[in-house]
Amino acid sequence: MDLFSKEPDLLSLTYEEVKAIADKCKKCPLSKGRNKVVFGNGPVPCDLMLIGEAPGAEEDLQGLPFVGRAGQLLTQILASVEIKRPDNIYIANTVNGRPPDNRAPLASEQEACAPYLEAQIKFVKPKIILLAGAPAVKAILKSDEPMTKLRGQWLKLPGTEISVMPLFHPAYLLRNPSKEKGKPKWLTWQDMQEVKNALNYYRQVAELSKESKD
């Protein structure tokens, strides 16, 4: 995925115009099996953005990201650090259509959707992007490092100053439900405390900037 490749046909449009194009997209085979395009959901702009790998069955039916069991857990994780959906976070995926049998999206499918994701990032203008799961990390950061090594680290979105943190995917946490110290679920809760602190920092900076202008 070549983020910020300056595709003028999308980056020069409005958010709603890009969404309308994505809703009718047939650039990859995923368009043949989907029920609904799952473009993204949340406020635009927004300080916090999360990018997952692909829609699942419930997402495909509702046309909204992270609404199945993994999405319900994600909502709980976010709420634990006072991040409310959809008010405080914009959520998208590397692809807008559900892969067959919930397999991981192919690189070619992610490439087809990459311009839409680039446009979403442009419109959302996030201070922080969370990458949920290895497929999202590989697509965005071009990294094959294991999630056990990358999760919880602050990185940068290539070509930008946007802070990025990889997280275990909520579906992975459902398969590893232990809250014991050092386990994936416990580690994710620690990671989210870091995210909360970073968001508070950016908000304080914004408040100080506003006060200095008044």
N, C-alpha and C. Protein backbone atom coordinates (compact mmCIF):
# COMPACT_ATOMS: atom_id res chain seq x y z
N MET A 1 0.85 -1.20 0.00
CA MET A 1 0.00 0.00 0.00
C MET A 1 0.88 1.25 0.00
N ASP A 2 0.68 2.10 -0.95
CA ASP A 2 1.46 3.32 -1.05
C ASP A 2 0.64 4.47 -0.47
N LEU A 3 0.71 4.63 0.84
CA LEU A 3 -0.09 5.67 1.47
C LEU A 3 0.36 7.05 1.00
N PHE A 4 -0.62 7.94 0.86
CA PHE A 4 -0.40 9.30 0.41
C PHE A 4 0.29 9.35 -0.95
N SER A 5 -0.27 8.57 -1.87
CA SER A 5 0.26 8.54 -3.23
C SER A 5 -0.31 9.65 -4.10
N LYS A 6 -1.10 10.53 -3.47
CA LYS A 6 -1.62 11.73 -4.15
C LYS A 6 -2.52 11.39 -5.33
N GLU A 7 -3.44 10.48 -5.13
CA GLU A 7 -4.39 10.19 -6.20
C GLU A 7 -5.37 11.36 -6.32
N PRO A 8 -5.26 12.18 -7.36
CA PRO A 8 -6.07 13.40 -7.43
C PRO A 8 -7.56 13.13 -7.57
N ASP A 9 -7.92 12.00 -8.15
CA ASP A 9 -9.34 11.74 -8.36
C ASP A 9 -10.09 11.48 -7.06
N LEU A 10 -9.39 11.12 -5.98
CA LEU A 10 -10.05 10.93 -4.69
C LEU A 10 -9.65 12.01 -3.68
N LEU A 11 -8.38 12.33 -3.61
CA LEU A 11 -7.92 13.28 -2.60
C LEU A 11 -8.41 14.70 -2.84
N SER A 12 -8.94 14.96 -4.01
CA SER A 12 -9.47 16.29 -4.29
C SER A 12 -10.98 16.36 -4.07
N LEU A 13 -11.59 15.23 -3.69
CA LEU A 13 -13.04 15.17 -3.51
C LEU A 13 -13.42 15.38 -2.05
N THR A 14 -14.72 15.42 -1.76
CA THR A 14 -15.20 15.50 -0.39
C THR A 14 -15.32 14.10 0.19
N TYR A 15 -15.45 14.02 1.49
CA TYR A 15 -15.62 12.73 2.16
C TYR A 15 -16.82 11.98 1.60
N GLU A 16 -17.95 12.65 1.48
CA GLU A 16 -19.17 12.00 1.00
C GLU A 16 -19.02 11.53 -0.45
N GLU A 17 -18.30 12.30 -1.25
CA GLU A 17 -18.08 11.89 -2.64
C GLU A 17 -17.22 10.63 -2.71
N VAL A 18 -16.19 10.57 -1.88
CA VAL A 18 -15.33 9.38 -1.86
C VAL A 18 -16.13 8.17 -1.37
N LYS A 19 -16.93 8.36 -0.35
CA LYS A 19 -17.75 7.26 0.18
C LYS A 19 -18.72 6.74 -0.88
N ALA A 20 -19.31 7.65 -1.64
CA ALA A 20 -20.24 7.25 -2.70
C ALA A 20 -19.54 6.42 -3.77
N ILE A 21 -18.30 6.77 -4.09
CA ILE A 21 -17.53 6.00 -5.07
C ILE A 21 -17.20 4.62 -4.51
N ALA A 22 -16.78 4.58 -3.24
CA ALA A 22 -16.44 3.30 -2.60
C ALA A 22 -17.66 2.38 -2.54
N ASP A 23 -18.82 2.95 -2.32
CA ASP A 23 -20.04 2.14 -2.22
C ASP A 23 -20.35 1.38 -3.51
N LYS A 24 -19.83 1.87 -4.62
CA LYS A 24 -20.10 1.22 -5.91
C LYS A 24 -18.85 0.57 -6.51
N CYS A 25 -17.78 0.49 -5.71
CA CYS A 25 -16.50 0.02 -6.23
C CYS A 25 -16.56 -1.46 -6.60
N LYS A 26 -15.94 -1.77 -7.74
CA LYS A 26 -15.83 -3.16 -8.20
C LYS A 26 -14.41 -3.45 -8.68
N LYS A 27 -13.43 -2.82 -8.01
CA LYS A 27 -12.04 -2.95 -8.45
C LYS A 27 -11.41 -4.30 -8.11
N CYS A 28 -12.02 -5.03 -7.17
CA CYS A 28 -11.44 -6.32 -6.80
C CYS A 28 -12.55 -7.36 -6.63
N PRO A 29 -12.22 -8.65 -6.59
CA PRO A 29 -13.22 -9.71 -6.50
C PRO A 29 -14.10 -9.67 -5.26
N LEU A 30 -13.69 -8.95 -4.22
CA LEU A 30 -14.52 -8.88 -3.02
C LEU A 30 -15.89 -8.27 -3.30
N SER A 31 -15.97 -7.49 -4.36
CA SER A 31 -17.24 -6.85 -4.70
C SER A 31 -18.31 -7.87 -5.10
N LYS A 32 -17.87 -9.04 -5.54
CA LYS A 32 -18.82 -10.04 -6.02
C LYS A 32 -19.54 -10.77 -4.90
N GLY A 33 -18.91 -10.87 -3.74
CA GLY A 33 -19.52 -11.64 -2.66
C GLY A 33 -20.06 -10.83 -1.51
N ARG A 34 -19.86 -9.52 -1.53
CA ARG A 34 -20.27 -8.71 -0.39
C ARG A 34 -21.78 -8.43 -0.42
N ASN A 35 -22.34 -8.15 0.75
CA ASN A 35 -23.70 -7.63 0.86
C ASN A 35 -23.67 -6.10 0.87
N LYS A 36 -22.79 -5.56 1.73
CA LYS A 36 -22.67 -4.11 1.83
C LYS A 36 -21.21 -3.70 1.89
N VAL A 37 -20.92 -2.54 1.36
CA VAL A 37 -19.59 -1.94 1.51
C VAL A 37 -19.48 -1.40 2.93
N VAL A 38 -18.37 -1.71 3.59
CA VAL A 38 -18.13 -1.21 4.95
C VAL A 38 -17.03 -0.16 4.86
N PHE A 39 -17.43 1.09 4.70
CA PHE A 39 -16.47 2.16 4.40
C PHE A 39 -15.75 2.65 5.65
N GLY A 40 -16.48 2.99 6.67
CA GLY A 40 -15.90 3.54 7.89
C GLY A 40 -17.00 4.21 8.68
N ASN A 41 -16.71 4.49 9.94
CA ASN A 41 -17.74 5.08 10.80
C ASN A 41 -17.09 5.90 11.90
N GLY A 42 -17.64 7.08 12.13
CA GLY A 42 -17.13 7.95 13.18
C GLY A 42 -17.08 9.39 12.74
N PRO A 43 -16.72 10.29 13.64
CA PRO A 43 -16.68 11.71 13.31
C PRO A 43 -15.54 12.06 12.36
N VAL A 44 -15.78 13.03 11.52
CA VAL A 44 -14.77 13.52 10.57
C VAL A 44 -14.72 15.04 10.68
N PRO A 45 -13.61 15.62 11.16
CA PRO A 45 -12.35 14.98 11.57
C PRO A 45 -12.44 14.39 12.97
N CYS A 46 -11.35 13.69 13.38
CA CYS A 46 -11.33 13.04 14.68
C CYS A 46 -9.87 12.80 15.09
N ASP A 47 -9.55 13.00 16.37
CA ASP A 47 -8.18 12.82 16.84
C ASP A 47 -7.72 11.38 16.79
N LEU A 48 -8.67 10.44 16.92
CA LEU A 48 -8.31 9.02 17.02
C LEU A 48 -8.96 8.21 15.91
N MET A 49 -8.14 7.36 15.25
CA MET A 49 -8.63 6.50 14.18
C MET A 49 -8.12 5.09 14.43
N LEU A 50 -8.95 4.10 14.15
CA LEU A 50 -8.53 2.70 14.23
C LEU A 50 -8.73 2.05 12.87
N ILE A 51 -7.72 1.30 12.44
CA ILE A 51 -7.80 0.57 11.18
C ILE A 51 -7.66 -0.92 11.46
N GLY A 52 -8.69 -1.68 11.11
CA GLY A 52 -8.65 -3.12 11.24
C GLY A 52 -8.32 -3.76 9.90
N GLU A 53 -8.49 -5.08 9.82
CA GLU A 53 -8.10 -5.75 8.58
C GLU A 53 -9.22 -5.82 7.56
N ALA A 54 -10.42 -6.29 7.97
CA ALA A 54 -11.49 -6.51 7.00
C ALA A 54 -12.82 -6.70 7.73
N PRO A 55 -13.94 -6.42 7.06
CA PRO A 55 -15.25 -6.68 7.65
C PRO A 55 -15.49 -8.18 7.82
N GLY A 56 -16.28 -8.54 8.84
CA GLY A 56 -16.73 -9.91 9.02
C GLY A 56 -18.20 -10.04 8.63
N ALA A 57 -18.82 -11.10 9.08
CA ALA A 57 -20.20 -11.39 8.68
C ALA A 57 -21.18 -10.31 9.11
N GLU A 58 -21.11 -9.91 10.38
CA GLU A 58 -22.05 -8.89 10.88
C GLU A 58 -21.80 -7.54 10.23
N GLU A 59 -20.53 -7.23 10.03
CA GLU A 59 -20.18 -5.96 9.39
C GLU A 59 -20.72 -5.92 7.96
N ASP A 60 -20.61 -7.06 7.27
CA ASP A 60 -21.09 -7.17 5.90
C ASP A 60 -22.59 -6.98 5.81
N LEU A 61 -23.31 -7.42 6.82
CA LEU A 61 -24.77 -7.27 6.83
C LEU A 61 -25.21 -5.85 7.19
N GLN A 62 -24.48 -5.24 8.13
CA GLN A 62 -24.89 -3.92 8.62
C GLN A 62 -24.23 -2.75 7.90
N GLY A 63 -23.10 -3.03 7.22
CA GLY A 63 -22.39 -1.95 6.55
C GLY A 63 -21.62 -1.05 7.49
N LEU A 64 -21.31 -1.57 8.70
CA LEU A 64 -20.56 -0.81 9.70
C LEU A 64 -19.39 -1.65 10.21
N PRO A 65 -18.26 -1.01 10.52
CA PRO A 65 -17.10 -1.76 10.99
C PRO A 65 -17.20 -2.17 12.46
N PHE A 66 -16.65 -3.33 12.78
CA PHE A 66 -16.53 -3.80 14.15
C PHE A 66 -17.87 -3.78 14.92
N VAL A 67 -18.82 -4.54 14.43
CA VAL A 67 -20.12 -4.64 15.12
C VAL A 67 -20.43 -6.07 15.56
N GLY A 68 -19.57 -7.03 15.22
CA GLY A 68 -19.77 -8.41 15.66
C GLY A 68 -19.20 -8.60 17.06
N ARG A 69 -18.87 -9.84 17.41
CA ARG A 69 -18.35 -10.13 18.75
C ARG A 69 -17.04 -9.39 19.02
N ALA A 70 -16.15 -9.37 18.02
CA ALA A 70 -14.89 -8.64 18.18
C ALA A 70 -15.15 -7.15 18.35
N GLY A 71 -16.14 -6.65 17.63
CA GLY A 71 -16.49 -5.24 17.75
C GLY A 71 -17.05 -4.89 19.11
N GLN A 72 -17.83 -5.79 19.68
CA GLN A 72 -18.38 -5.57 21.01
C GLN A 72 -17.26 -5.51 22.05
N LEU A 73 -16.26 -6.40 21.89
CA LEU A 73 -15.12 -6.35 22.79
C LEU A 73 -14.32 -5.06 22.59
N LEU A 74 -14.17 -4.64 21.34
CA LEU A 74 -13.47 -3.39 21.06
C LEU A 74 -14.16 -2.23 21.76
N THR A 75 -15.49 -2.20 21.71
CA THR A 75 -16.25 -1.14 22.38
C THR A 75 -15.94 -1.12 23.87
N GLN A 76 -15.85 -2.30 24.49
CA GLN A 76 -15.53 -2.39 25.92
C GLN A 76 -14.12 -1.90 26.20
N ILE A 77 -13.19 -2.30 25.33
CA ILE A 77 -11.79 -1.88 25.51
C ILE A 77 -11.67 -0.36 25.43
N LEU A 78 -12.32 0.23 24.45
CA LEU A 78 -12.28 1.68 24.30
C LEU A 78 -12.95 2.38 25.48
N ALA A 79 -14.08 1.84 25.91
CA ALA A 79 -14.81 2.45 27.02
C ALA A 79 -14.00 2.42 28.31
N SER A 80 -13.10 1.43 28.43
CA SER A 80 -12.29 1.32 29.65
C SER A 80 -11.36 2.52 29.83
N VAL A 81 -11.09 3.23 28.73
CA VAL A 81 -10.26 4.44 28.80
C VAL A 81 -11.05 5.67 28.33
N GLU A 82 -12.37 5.57 28.50
CA GLU A 82 -13.28 6.71 28.26
C GLU A 82 -13.30 7.16 26.81
N ILE A 83 -13.13 6.21 25.89
CA ILE A 83 -13.29 6.50 24.47
C ILE A 83 -14.62 5.90 24.04
N LYS A 84 -15.53 6.74 23.64
CA LYS A 84 -16.89 6.31 23.32
C LYS A 84 -17.09 6.20 21.81
N ARG A 85 -17.65 5.04 21.39
CA ARG A 85 -18.03 4.88 19.98
C ARG A 85 -19.46 5.37 19.79
N PRO A 86 -19.73 6.04 18.65
CA PRO A 86 -18.80 6.47 17.61
C PRO A 86 -18.29 7.88 17.82
N ASP A 87 -18.54 8.48 18.98
CA ASP A 87 -18.27 9.90 19.18
C ASP A 87 -16.79 10.27 19.17
N ASN A 88 -15.95 9.38 19.71
CA ASN A 88 -14.55 9.74 19.95
C ASN A 88 -13.54 9.00 19.08
N ILE A 89 -14.01 8.23 18.10
CA ILE A 89 -13.09 7.45 17.29
C ILE A 89 -13.68 7.18 15.91
N TYR A 90 -12.85 7.25 14.89
CA TYR A 90 -13.25 6.87 13.54
C TYR A 90 -12.64 5.51 13.25
N ILE A 91 -13.46 4.57 12.78
CA ILE A 91 -13.02 3.20 12.57
C ILE A 91 -13.18 2.80 11.10
N ALA A 92 -12.12 2.20 10.54
CA ALA A 92 -12.13 1.74 9.16
C ALA A 92 -11.38 0.41 9.08
N ASN A 93 -11.26 -0.14 7.89
CA ASN A 93 -10.50 -1.36 7.64
C ASN A 93 -9.60 -1.18 6.43
N THR A 94 -8.67 -2.12 6.24
CA THR A 94 -7.79 -2.04 5.07
C THR A 94 -8.55 -2.36 3.79
N VAL A 95 -9.67 -3.11 3.90
CA VAL A 95 -10.54 -3.37 2.75
C VAL A 95 -11.98 -3.10 3.16
N ASN A 96 -12.80 -2.74 2.18
CA ASN A 96 -14.19 -2.35 2.46
C ASN A 96 -15.20 -3.47 2.22
N GLY A 97 -14.73 -4.61 1.72
CA GLY A 97 -15.62 -5.74 1.48
C GLY A 97 -15.17 -6.96 2.27
N ARG A 98 -16.12 -7.82 2.62
CA ARG A 98 -15.79 -9.01 3.42
C ARG A 98 -15.11 -10.09 2.57
N PRO A 99 -13.92 -10.54 2.98
CA PRO A 99 -13.27 -11.66 2.29
C PRO A 99 -14.04 -12.96 2.54
N PRO A 100 -14.05 -13.89 1.59
CA PRO A 100 -14.76 -15.16 1.76
C PRO A 100 -14.27 -15.92 2.99
N ASP A 101 -15.24 -16.47 3.74
CA ASP A 101 -14.92 -17.29 4.93
C ASP A 101 -14.07 -16.56 5.95
N ASN A 102 -14.16 -15.23 5.95
CA ASN A 102 -13.43 -14.40 6.92
C ASN A 102 -11.91 -14.59 6.86
N ARG A 103 -11.39 -14.97 5.69
CA ARG A 103 -9.94 -15.07 5.57
C ARG A 103 -9.32 -13.68 5.62
N ALA A 104 -8.01 -13.64 5.82
CA ALA A 104 -7.30 -12.37 5.80
C ALA A 104 -7.34 -11.78 4.40
N PRO A 105 -7.44 -10.46 4.28
CA PRO A 105 -7.46 -9.86 2.94
C PRO A 105 -6.15 -10.07 2.21
N LEU A 106 -6.24 -10.24 0.89
CA LEU A 106 -5.05 -10.38 0.07
C LEU A 106 -4.40 -9.02 -0.15
N ALA A 107 -3.11 -9.03 -0.43
CA ALA A 107 -2.41 -7.78 -0.69
C ALA A 107 -3.03 -7.03 -1.87
N SER A 108 -3.46 -7.76 -2.89
CA SER A 108 -4.08 -7.12 -4.06
C SER A 108 -5.40 -6.45 -3.70
N GLU A 109 -6.13 -7.04 -2.76
CA GLU A 109 -7.39 -6.45 -2.32
C GLU A 109 -7.13 -5.19 -1.49
N GLN A 110 -6.10 -5.24 -0.66
CA GLN A 110 -5.74 -4.06 0.12
C GLN A 110 -5.25 -2.93 -0.79
N GLU A 111 -4.52 -3.30 -1.84
CA GLU A 111 -4.05 -2.29 -2.79
C GLU A 111 -5.22 -1.61 -3.49
N ALA A 112 -6.25 -2.40 -3.83
CA ALA A 112 -7.41 -1.83 -4.50
C ALA A 112 -8.14 -0.82 -3.62
N CYS A 113 -8.16 -1.09 -2.30
CA CYS A 113 -8.85 -0.21 -1.36
C CYS A 113 -7.95 0.91 -0.82
N ALA A 114 -6.65 0.82 -1.07
CA ALA A 114 -5.71 1.78 -0.49
C ALA A 114 -6.07 3.24 -0.76
N PRO A 115 -6.49 3.62 -1.98
CA PRO A 115 -6.84 5.03 -2.20
C PRO A 115 -7.99 5.52 -1.33
N TYR A 116 -8.93 4.63 -1.04
CA TYR A 116 -10.04 5.01 -0.16
C TYR A 116 -9.54 5.26 1.25
N LEU A 117 -8.63 4.40 1.71
CA LEU A 117 -8.10 4.57 3.05
C LEU A 117 -7.24 5.83 3.14
N GLU A 118 -6.49 6.10 2.11
CA GLU A 118 -5.70 7.34 2.06
C GLU A 118 -6.62 8.55 2.20
N ALA A 119 -7.73 8.52 1.47
CA ALA A 119 -8.67 9.63 1.52
C ALA A 119 -9.30 9.76 2.90
N GLN A 120 -9.63 8.62 3.51
CA GLN A 120 -10.21 8.66 4.85
C GLN A 120 -9.25 9.30 5.84
N ILE A 121 -7.98 8.92 5.78
CA ILE A 121 -6.99 9.51 6.67
C ILE A 121 -6.88 11.02 6.43
N LYS A 122 -6.95 11.41 5.17
CA LYS A 122 -6.88 12.83 4.83
C LYS A 122 -8.03 13.60 5.48
N PHE A 123 -9.23 13.05 5.40
CA PHE A 123 -10.40 13.74 5.94
C PHE A 123 -10.49 13.67 7.46
N VAL A 124 -10.12 12.53 8.03
CA VAL A 124 -10.22 12.35 9.48
C VAL A 124 -9.17 13.19 10.21
N LYS A 125 -7.98 13.33 9.60
CA LYS A 125 -6.89 14.11 10.20
C LYS A 125 -6.57 13.63 11.63
N PRO A 126 -6.35 12.33 11.82
CA PRO A 126 -6.11 11.83 13.18
C PRO A 126 -4.76 12.24 13.74
N LYS A 127 -4.72 12.41 15.03
CA LYS A 127 -3.44 12.58 15.72
C LYS A 127 -2.82 11.21 15.98
N ILE A 128 -3.70 10.20 16.20
CA ILE A 128 -3.26 8.85 16.53
C ILE A 128 -4.03 7.85 15.67
N ILE A 129 -3.32 6.86 15.13
CA ILE A 129 -3.95 5.74 14.43
C ILE A 129 -3.60 4.44 15.15
N LEU A 130 -4.62 3.66 15.49
CA LEU A 130 -4.43 2.34 16.07
C LEU A 130 -4.56 1.32 14.95
N LEU A 131 -3.61 0.38 14.88
CA LEU A 131 -3.66 -0.68 13.87
C LEU A 131 -3.99 -1.99 14.56
N ALA A 132 -5.19 -2.53 14.28
CA ALA A 132 -5.66 -3.73 14.96
C ALA A 132 -5.33 -4.98 14.14
N GLY A 133 -4.32 -5.71 14.58
CA GLY A 133 -3.99 -6.97 13.93
C GLY A 133 -2.88 -6.90 12.90
N ALA A 134 -2.26 -8.05 12.65
CA ALA A 134 -1.10 -8.12 11.76
C ALA A 134 -1.39 -7.70 10.32
N PRO A 135 -2.54 -8.08 9.71
CA PRO A 135 -2.80 -7.64 8.34
C PRO A 135 -2.84 -6.12 8.19
N ALA A 136 -3.39 -5.43 9.18
CA ALA A 136 -3.42 -3.96 9.13
C ALA A 136 -2.01 -3.39 9.27
N VAL A 137 -1.24 -3.98 10.18
CA VAL A 137 0.14 -3.52 10.38
C VAL A 137 0.96 -3.72 9.11
N LYS A 138 0.82 -4.87 8.50
CA LYS A 138 1.59 -5.15 7.29
C LYS A 138 1.21 -4.22 6.16
N ALA A 139 -0.10 -3.96 6.01
CA ALA A 139 -0.57 -3.09 4.93
C ALA A 139 -0.12 -1.64 5.12
N ILE A 140 -0.18 -1.16 6.34
CA ILE A 140 0.09 0.26 6.59
C ILE A 140 1.57 0.53 6.83
N LEU A 141 2.22 -0.32 7.62
CA LEU A 141 3.62 -0.07 7.99
C LEU A 141 4.62 -0.87 7.17
N LYS A 142 4.11 -1.80 6.33
CA LYS A 142 4.99 -2.64 5.52
C LYS A 142 5.94 -3.44 6.41
N SER A 143 5.44 -3.93 7.52
CA SER A 143 6.27 -4.66 8.46
C SER A 143 5.76 -6.09 8.64
N ASP A 144 6.71 -7.02 8.66
CA ASP A 144 6.40 -8.42 8.93
C ASP A 144 6.78 -8.81 10.35
N GLU A 145 7.12 -7.83 11.16
CA GLU A 145 7.47 -8.12 12.55
C GLU A 145 6.24 -8.71 13.26
N PRO A 146 6.44 -9.67 14.15
CA PRO A 146 5.29 -10.25 14.86
C PRO A 146 4.60 -9.23 15.76
N MET A 147 3.30 -9.40 15.94
CA MET A 147 2.53 -8.48 16.77
C MET A 147 3.04 -8.46 18.21
N THR A 148 3.55 -9.60 18.67
CA THR A 148 4.06 -9.65 20.04
C THR A 148 5.23 -8.68 20.24
N LYS A 149 5.92 -8.34 19.16
CA LYS A 149 7.03 -7.40 19.24
C LYS A 149 6.58 -5.95 19.00
N LEU A 150 5.63 -5.77 18.06
CA LEU A 150 5.24 -4.42 17.66
C LEU A 150 4.18 -3.79 18.56
N ARG A 151 3.30 -4.62 19.14
CA ARG A 151 2.18 -4.05 19.88
C ARG A 151 2.69 -3.16 21.03
N GLY A 152 1.95 -2.08 21.23
CA GLY A 152 2.29 -1.17 22.31
C GLY A 152 3.40 -0.20 22.00
N GLN A 153 3.99 -0.27 20.80
CA GLN A 153 5.06 0.66 20.43
C GLN A 153 4.49 1.87 19.69
N TRP A 154 5.03 3.03 19.98
CA TRP A 154 4.66 4.22 19.22
C TRP A 154 5.53 4.31 17.98
N LEU A 155 4.86 4.34 16.82
CA LEU A 155 5.55 4.45 15.54
C LEU A 155 4.98 5.66 14.79
N LYS A 156 5.42 5.86 13.56
CA LYS A 156 4.89 6.96 12.75
C LYS A 156 4.30 6.41 11.45
N LEU A 157 3.18 6.97 11.02
CA LEU A 157 2.63 6.62 9.72
C LEU A 157 3.61 7.10 8.66
N PRO A 158 4.05 6.22 7.76
CA PRO A 158 5.05 6.61 6.76
C PRO A 158 4.69 7.91 6.03
N GLY A 159 5.64 8.81 5.99
CA GLY A 159 5.46 10.07 5.28
C GLY A 159 4.70 11.13 6.05
N THR A 160 4.38 10.85 7.32
CA THR A 160 3.60 11.81 8.11
C THR A 160 4.18 11.90 9.53
N GLU A 161 3.58 12.77 10.32
CA GLU A 161 3.91 12.87 11.75
C GLU A 161 2.82 12.24 12.61
N ILE A 162 1.92 11.48 11.99
CA ILE A 162 0.83 10.85 12.73
C ILE A 162 1.36 9.68 13.55
N SER A 163 1.05 9.67 14.84
CA SER A 163 1.48 8.60 15.73
C SER A 163 0.65 7.34 15.48
N VAL A 164 1.33 6.20 15.47
CA VAL A 164 0.67 4.92 15.19
C VAL A 164 1.03 3.92 16.29
N MET A 165 0.01 3.19 16.76
CA MET A 165 0.27 2.11 17.71
C MET A 165 -0.41 0.83 17.24
N PRO A 166 0.35 -0.25 17.02
CA PRO A 166 -0.24 -1.55 16.72
C PRO A 166 -0.84 -2.18 17.99
N LEU A 167 -1.99 -2.81 17.82
CA LEU A 167 -2.67 -3.49 18.92
C LEU A 167 -3.06 -4.90 18.49
N PHE A 168 -3.19 -5.79 19.46
CA PHE A 168 -3.77 -7.10 19.15
C PHE A 168 -5.20 -6.90 18.65
N HIS A 169 -5.60 -7.66 17.65
CA HIS A 169 -6.97 -7.57 17.14
C HIS A 169 -7.93 -8.11 18.19
N PRO A 170 -9.09 -7.48 18.37
CA PRO A 170 -10.06 -7.99 19.35
C PRO A 170 -10.45 -9.45 19.13
N ALA A 171 -10.48 -9.91 17.86
CA ALA A 171 -10.79 -11.31 17.60
C ALA A 171 -9.73 -12.23 18.21
N TYR A 172 -8.49 -11.79 18.21
CA TYR A 172 -7.40 -12.55 18.83
C TYR A 172 -7.59 -12.60 20.34
N LEU A 173 -8.07 -11.51 20.91
CA LEU A 173 -8.30 -11.47 22.35
C LEU A 173 -9.47 -12.37 22.75
N LEU A 174 -10.44 -12.52 21.86
CA LEU A 174 -11.54 -13.44 22.13
C LEU A 174 -11.03 -14.88 22.22
N ARG A 175 -10.01 -15.19 21.45
CA ARG A 175 -9.42 -16.53 21.48
C ARG A 175 -8.43 -16.70 22.62
N ASN A 176 -8.05 -15.59 23.23
CA ASN A 176 -7.11 -15.60 24.36
C ASN A 176 -7.69 -14.74 25.48
N PRO A 177 -8.73 -15.23 26.14
CA PRO A 177 -9.52 -14.39 27.05
C PRO A 177 -8.90 -14.13 28.42
N SER A 178 -7.80 -14.79 28.75
CA SER A 178 -7.22 -14.63 30.08
C SER A 178 -6.82 -13.17 30.34
N LYS A 179 -7.16 -12.68 31.54
CA LYS A 179 -6.77 -11.32 31.94
C LYS A 179 -5.53 -11.35 32.83
N GLU A 180 -4.88 -12.51 32.90
CA GLU A 180 -3.68 -12.65 33.73
C GLU A 180 -2.59 -11.70 33.25
N LYS A 181 -1.84 -11.18 34.19
CA LYS A 181 -0.76 -10.24 33.88
C LYS A 181 0.19 -10.83 32.84
N GLY A 182 0.48 -10.07 31.80
CA GLY A 182 1.38 -10.52 30.75
C GLY A 182 0.70 -11.18 29.58
N LYS A 183 -0.58 -11.52 29.72
CA LYS A 183 -1.33 -12.13 28.64
C LYS A 183 -1.81 -11.04 27.66
N PRO A 184 -2.18 -11.44 26.41
CA PRO A 184 -2.57 -10.44 25.40
C PRO A 184 -3.64 -9.46 25.85
N LYS A 185 -4.66 -9.95 26.56
CA LYS A 185 -5.74 -9.05 26.99
C LYS A 185 -5.23 -8.03 28.00
N TRP A 186 -4.43 -8.48 28.94
CA TRP A 186 -3.86 -7.57 29.94
C TRP A 186 -2.95 -6.55 29.25
N LEU A 187 -2.14 -7.03 28.30
CA LEU A 187 -1.23 -6.12 27.59
C LEU A 187 -2.01 -5.06 26.81
N THR A 188 -3.14 -5.46 26.22
CA THR A 188 -3.95 -4.51 25.45
C THR A 188 -4.50 -3.41 26.35
N TRP A 189 -4.90 -3.79 27.55
CA TRP A 189 -5.41 -2.78 28.49
C TRP A 189 -4.29 -1.79 28.85
N GLN A 190 -3.06 -2.26 28.98
CA GLN A 190 -1.94 -1.36 29.24
C GLN A 190 -1.69 -0.44 28.04
N ASP A 191 -1.77 -1.01 26.85
CA ASP A 191 -1.58 -0.22 25.63
C ASP A 191 -2.61 0.90 25.54
N MET A 192 -3.84 0.59 25.91
CA MET A 192 -4.90 1.59 25.82
C MET A 192 -4.72 2.71 26.84
N GLN A 193 -4.08 2.41 27.96
CA GLN A 193 -3.75 3.48 28.90
C GLN A 193 -2.76 4.46 28.26
N GLU A 194 -1.81 3.90 27.49
CA GLU A 194 -0.86 4.75 26.76
C GLU A 194 -1.59 5.64 25.74
N VAL A 195 -2.56 5.04 25.06
CA VAL A 195 -3.34 5.79 24.07
C VAL A 195 -4.12 6.91 24.76
N LYS A 196 -4.72 6.60 25.90
CA LYS A 196 -5.48 7.61 26.65
C LYS A 196 -4.58 8.77 27.05
N ASN A 197 -3.38 8.45 27.55
CA ASN A 197 -2.45 9.50 27.96
C ASN A 197 -2.04 10.37 26.77
N ALA A 198 -1.82 9.74 25.62
CA ALA A 198 -1.42 10.49 24.43
C ALA A 198 -2.55 11.41 23.96
N LEU A 199 -3.77 10.90 23.98
CA LEU A 199 -4.92 11.72 23.58
C LEU A 199 -5.06 12.92 24.51
N ASN A 200 -4.90 12.69 25.81
CA ASN A 200 -4.99 13.79 26.77
C ASN A 200 -3.91 14.84 26.50
N TYR A 201 -2.73 14.38 26.13
CA TYR A 201 -1.63 15.31 25.82
C TYR A 201 -2.00 16.18 24.62
N TYR A 202 -2.49 15.56 23.55
CA TYR A 202 -2.85 16.32 22.36
C TYR A 202 -3.97 17.32 22.66
N ARG A 203 -4.91 16.92 23.53
CA ARG A 203 -6.00 17.82 23.88
C ARG A 203 -5.51 19.00 24.69
N GLN A 204 -4.56 18.75 25.59
CA GLN A 204 -3.99 19.83 26.38
C GLN A 204 -3.24 20.81 25.49
N VAL A 205 -2.50 20.28 24.53
CA VAL A 205 -1.77 21.14 23.58
C VAL A 205 -2.76 21.99 22.79
N ALA A 206 -3.86 21.39 22.35
CA ALA A 206 -4.87 22.12 21.58
C ALA A 206 -5.50 23.23 22.44
N GLU A 207 -5.75 22.91 23.71
CA GLU A 207 -6.35 23.91 24.60
C GLU A 207 -5.41 25.08 24.83
N LEU A 208 -4.14 24.78 25.03
CA LEU A 208 -3.15 25.84 25.24
C LEU A 208 -3.01 26.70 24.00
N SER A 209 -3.06 26.06 22.83
CA SER A 209 -2.96 26.80 21.57
C SER A 209 -4.16 27.72 21.41
N LYS A 210 -5.33 27.21 21.78
CA LYS A 210 -6.55 28.01 21.67
C LYS A 210 -6.51 29.20 22.62
N GLU A 211 -6.03 28.97 23.84
CA GLU A 211 -5.96 30.04 24.84
C GLU A 211 -4.99 31.14 24.41
N SER A 212 -3.89 30.73 23.78
CA SER A 212 -2.89 31.69 23.35
C SER A 212 -3.41 32.58 22.22
N LYS A 213 -4.38 32.06 21.44
CA LYS A 213 -4.95 32.83 20.34
C LYS A 213 -6.06 33.76 20.80
N ASP A 214 -6.72 33.41 21.93
CA ASP A 214 -7.84 34.21 22.43
C ASP A 214 -7.39 35.51 23.07
